[in-house]
Amino acid sequence: KKTYSLTHAAMKLLGKNATETNVTCLLVLFELVVIAIAFLLVRPV
């Protein structure tokens, strides 16, 4: 749920000054970062 709200907020903030392409790129990068963090947290030490 937090991810969706952050994404929605990012779209609202960036949608005013950025194009859809830039927003899409940022959302993809954001998702990759979240996946990377989740992988590191889940990975056994």
PDB file of N, CA and C in Angstrom:
ATOM      1  N   LYS A   1       0.832  -1.201   0.000  1.00  0.00           N
ATOM      2  CA  LYS A   1       0.000   0.000   0.000  1.00  0.00           C
ATOM      3  C   LYS A   1       0.873   1.260   0.000  1.00  0.00           C
ATOM      4  N   LYS A   2       1.953   1.218   0.746  1.00  0.00           N
ATOM      5  CA  LYS A   2       2.844   2.379   0.797  1.00  0.00           C
ATOM      6  C   LYS A   2       3.436   2.672  -0.576  1.00  0.00           C
ATOM      7  N   THR A   3       3.777   1.601  -1.303  1.00  0.00           N
ATOM      8  CA  THR A   3       4.382   1.773  -2.622  1.00  0.00           C
ATOM      9  C   THR A   3       3.413   2.488  -3.550  1.00  0.00           C
ATOM     10  N   TYR A   4       2.128   2.082  -3.501  1.00  0.00           N
ATOM     11  CA  TYR A   4       1.142   2.686  -4.382  1.00  0.00           C
ATOM     12  C   TYR A   4       0.945   4.159  -4.047  1.00  0.00           C
ATOM     13  N   SER A   5       0.896   4.494  -2.753  1.00  0.00           N
ATOM     14  CA  SER A   5       0.688   5.883  -2.357  1.00  0.00           C
ATOM     15  C   SER A   5       1.887   6.741  -2.748  1.00  0.00           C
ATOM     16  N   LEU A   6       3.094   6.189  -2.602  1.00  0.00           N
ATOM     17  CA  LEU A   6       4.294   6.933  -2.993  1.00  0.00           C
ATOM     18  C   LEU A   6       4.313   7.147  -4.495  1.00  0.00           C
ATOM     19  N   THR A   7       3.926   6.103  -5.240  1.00  0.00           N
ATOM     20  CA  THR A   7       3.890   6.210  -6.695  1.00  0.00           C
ATOM     21  C   THR A   7       2.864   7.248  -7.108  1.00  0.00           C
ATOM     22  N   HIS A   8       1.704   7.228  -6.456  1.00  0.00           N
ATOM     23  CA  HIS A   8       0.638   8.174  -6.779  1.00  0.00           C
ATOM     24  C   HIS A   8       1.091   9.599  -6.486  1.00  0.00           C
ATOM     25  N   ALA A   9       1.769   9.780  -5.360  1.00  0.00           N
ATOM     26  CA  ALA A   9       2.266  11.102  -4.995  1.00  0.00           C
ATOM     27  C   ALA A   9       3.314  11.572  -5.994  1.00  0.00           C
ATOM     28  N   ALA A  10       4.187  10.653  -6.411  1.00  0.00           N
ATOM     29  CA  ALA A  10       5.226  11.001  -7.381  1.00  0.00           C
ATOM     30  C   ALA A  10       4.599  11.415  -8.699  1.00  0.00           C
ATOM     31  N   MET A  11       3.552  10.709  -9.119  1.00  0.00           N
ATOM     32  CA  MET A  11       2.873  11.041 -10.368  1.00  0.00           C
ATOM     33  C   MET A  11       2.229  12.419 -10.270  1.00  0.00           C
ATOM     34  N   LYS A  12       1.670  12.730  -9.103  1.00  0.00           N
ATOM     35  CA  LYS A  12       1.040  14.042  -8.912  1.00  0.00           C
ATOM     36  C   LYS A  12       2.086  15.150  -8.981  1.00  0.00           C
ATOM     37  N   LEU A  13       3.205  14.963  -8.259  1.00  0.00           N
ATOM     38  CA  LEU A  13       4.237  15.996  -8.195  1.00  0.00           C
ATOM     39  C   LEU A  13       4.947  16.160  -9.529  1.00  0.00           C
ATOM     40  N   LEU A  14       5.310  15.027 -10.150  1.00  0.00           N
ATOM     41  CA  LEU A  14       6.093  15.087 -11.380  1.00  0.00           C
ATOM     42  C   LEU A  14       5.218  15.316 -12.603  1.00  0.00           C
ATOM     43  N   GLY A  15       3.955  14.948 -12.512  1.00  0.00           N
ATOM     44  CA  GLY A  15       3.060  15.063 -13.657  1.00  0.00           C
ATOM     45  C   GLY A  15       2.887  16.505 -14.116  1.00  0.00           C
ATOM     46  N   LYS A  16       3.073  17.462 -13.191  1.00  0.00           N
ATOM     47  CA  LYS A  16       2.880  18.866 -13.536  1.00  0.00           C
ATOM     48  C   LYS A  16       4.006  19.383 -14.423  1.00  0.00           C
ATOM     49  N   ASN A  17       5.239  18.983 -14.132  1.00  0.00           N
ATOM     50  CA  ASN A  17       6.392  19.534 -14.841  1.00  0.00           C
ATOM     51  C   ASN A  17       7.084  18.525 -15.750  1.00  0.00           C
ATOM     52  N   ALA A  18       6.770  17.248 -15.589  1.00  0.00           N
ATOM     53  CA  ALA A  18       7.455  16.221 -16.374  1.00  0.00           C
ATOM     54  C   ALA A  18       6.498  15.592 -17.375  1.00  0.00           C
ATOM     55  N   THR A  19       7.078  15.029 -18.417  1.00  0.00           N
ATOM     56  CA  THR A  19       6.257  14.344 -19.409  1.00  0.00           C
ATOM     57  C   THR A  19       5.941  12.943 -18.918  1.00  0.00           C
ATOM     58  N   GLU A  20       4.996  12.290 -19.567  1.00  0.00           N
ATOM     59  CA  GLU A  20       4.622  10.939 -19.151  1.00  0.00           C
ATOM     60  C   GLU A  20       5.807   9.993 -19.279  1.00  0.00           C
ATOM     61  N   THR A  21       6.637  10.229 -20.280  1.00  0.00           N
ATOM     62  CA  THR A  21       7.803   9.365 -20.491  1.00  0.00           C
ATOM     63  C   THR A  21       8.750   9.459 -19.305  1.00  0.00           C
ATOM     64  N   ASN A  22       9.026  10.684 -18.844  1.00  0.00           N
ATOM     65  CA  ASN A  22       9.931  10.864 -17.709  1.00  0.00           C
ATOM     66  C   ASN A  22       9.343  10.233 -16.452  1.00  0.00           C
ATOM     67  N   VAL A  23       8.045  10.409 -16.258  1.00  0.00           N
ATOM     68  CA  VAL A  23       7.393   9.832 -15.082  1.00  0.00           C
ATOM     69  C   VAL A  23       7.484   8.316 -15.132  1.00  0.00           C
ATOM     70  N   THR A  24       7.251   7.758 -16.314  1.00  0.00           N
ATOM     71  CA  THR A  24       7.312   6.302 -16.458  1.00  0.00           C
ATOM     72  C   THR A  24       8.702   5.789 -16.123  1.00  0.00           C
ATOM     73  N   CYS A  25       9.733   6.481 -16.611  1.00  0.00           N
ATOM     74  CA  CYS A  25      11.117   6.073 -16.338  1.00  0.00           C
ATOM     75  C   CYS A  25      11.397   6.122 -14.840  1.00  0.00           C
ATOM     76  N   LEU A  26      10.934   7.181 -14.189  1.00  0.00           N
ATOM     77  CA  LEU A  26      11.167   7.321 -12.753  1.00  0.00           C
ATOM     78  C   LEU A  26      10.438   6.231 -11.976  1.00  0.00           C
ATOM     79  N   LEU A  27       9.214   5.907 -12.418  1.00  0.00           N
ATOM     80  CA  LEU A  27       8.451   4.866 -11.737  1.00  0.00           C
ATOM     81  C   LEU A  27       9.140   3.515 -11.887  1.00  0.00           C
ATOM     82  N   VAL A  28       9.680   3.249 -13.065  1.00  0.00           N
ATOM     83  CA  VAL A  28      10.381   1.980 -13.297  1.00  0.00           C
ATOM     84  C   VAL A  28      11.618   1.902 -12.413  1.00  0.00           C
ATOM     85  N   LEU A  29      12.380   3.004 -12.344  1.00  0.00           N
ATOM     86  CA  LEU A  29      13.578   3.029 -11.500  1.00  0.00           C
ATOM     87  C   LEU A  29      13.195   2.851 -10.033  1.00  0.00           C
ATOM     88  N   PHE A  30      12.106   3.506  -9.629  1.00  0.00           N
ATOM     89  CA  PHE A  30      11.642   3.399  -8.242  1.00  0.00           C
ATOM     90  C   PHE A  30      11.276   1.956  -7.912  1.00  0.00           C
ATOM     91  N   GLU A  31      10.572   1.302  -8.855  1.00  0.00           N
ATOM     92  CA  GLU A  31      10.177  -0.085  -8.631  1.00  0.00           C
ATOM     93  C   GLU A  31      11.398  -0.987  -8.526  1.00  0.00           C
ATOM     94  N   LEU A  32      12.410  -0.728  -9.372  1.00  0.00           N
ATOM     95  CA  LEU A  32      13.634  -1.533  -9.338  1.00  0.00           C
ATOM     96  C   LEU A  32      14.341  -1.365  -7.993  1.00  0.00           C
ATOM     97  N   VAL A  33      14.358  -0.140  -7.469  1.00  0.00           N
ATOM     98  CA  VAL A  33      14.997   0.119  -6.173  1.00  0.00           C
ATOM     99  C   VAL A  33      14.254  -0.626  -5.069  1.00  0.00           C
ATOM    100  N   VAL A  34      12.922  -0.577  -5.113  1.00  0.00           N
ATOM    101  CA  VAL A  34      12.118  -1.268  -4.100  1.00  0.00           C
ATOM    102  C   VAL A  34      12.371  -2.769  -4.152  1.00  0.00           C
ATOM    103  N   ILE A  35      12.424  -3.314  -5.368  1.00  0.00           N
ATOM    104  CA  ILE A  35      12.677  -4.751  -5.531  1.00  0.00           C
ATOM    105  C   ILE A  35      14.063  -5.106  -5.000  1.00  0.00           C
ATOM    106  N   ALA A  36      15.047  -4.251  -5.284  1.00  0.00           N
ATOM    107  CA  ALA A  36      16.412  -4.506  -4.833  1.00  0.00           C
ATOM    108  C   ALA A  36      16.484  -4.497  -3.306  1.00  0.00           C
ATOM    109  N   ILE A  37      15.827  -3.522  -2.683  1.00  0.00           N
ATOM    110  CA  ILE A  37      15.822  -3.429  -1.221  1.00  0.00           C
ATOM    111  C   ILE A  37      15.122  -4.645  -0.625  1.00  0.00           C
ATOM    112  N   ALA A  38      13.986  -5.018  -1.214  1.00  0.00           N
ATOM    113  CA  ALA A  38      13.241  -6.176  -0.717  1.00  0.00           C
ATOM    114  C   ALA A  38      14.093  -7.435  -0.826  1.00  0.00           C
ATOM    115  N   PHE A  39      14.828  -7.561  -1.934  1.00  0.00           N
ATOM    116  CA  PHE A  39      15.693  -8.730  -2.134  1.00  0.00           C
ATOM    117  C   PHE A  39      16.771  -8.786  -1.056  1.00  0.00           C
ATOM    118  N   LEU A  40      17.368  -7.637  -0.746  1.00  0.00           N
ATOM    119  CA  LEU A  40      18.428  -7.594   0.264  1.00  0.00           C
ATOM    120  C   LEU A  40      17.872  -7.917   1.648  1.00  0.00           C
ATOM    121  N   LEU A  41      16.651  -7.458   1.928  1.00  0.00           N
ATOM    122  CA  LEU A  41      16.052  -7.707   3.236  1.00  0.00           C
ATOM    123  C   LEU A  41      15.660  -9.171   3.392  1.00  0.00           C
ATOM    124  N   VAL A  42      15.155  -9.768   2.310  1.00  0.00           N
ATOM    125  CA  VAL A  42      14.684 -11.156   2.377  1.00  0.00           C
ATOM    126  C   VAL A  42      15.849 -12.135   2.324  1.00  0.00           C
ATOM    127  N   ARG A  43      16.921 -11.744   1.642  1.00  0.00           N
ATOM    128  CA  ARG A  43      18.068 -12.644   1.480  1.00  0.00           C
ATOM    129  C   ARG A  43      18.687 -13.008   2.830  1.00  0.00           C
ATOM    130  N   PRO A  44      18.867 -14.300   3.094  1.00  0.00           N
ATOM    131  CA  PRO A  44      19.484 -14.726   4.364  1.00  0.00           C
ATOM    132  C   PRO A  44      20.932 -14.262   4.449  1.00  0.00           C
ATOM    133  N   VAL A  45      21.329 -13.822   5.631  1.00  0.00           N
ATOM    134  CA  VAL A  45      22.690 -13.311   5.804  1.00  0.00           C
ATOM    135  C   VAL A  45      23.669 -14.471   5.944  1.00  0.00           C
TER     136      VAL A  45
END
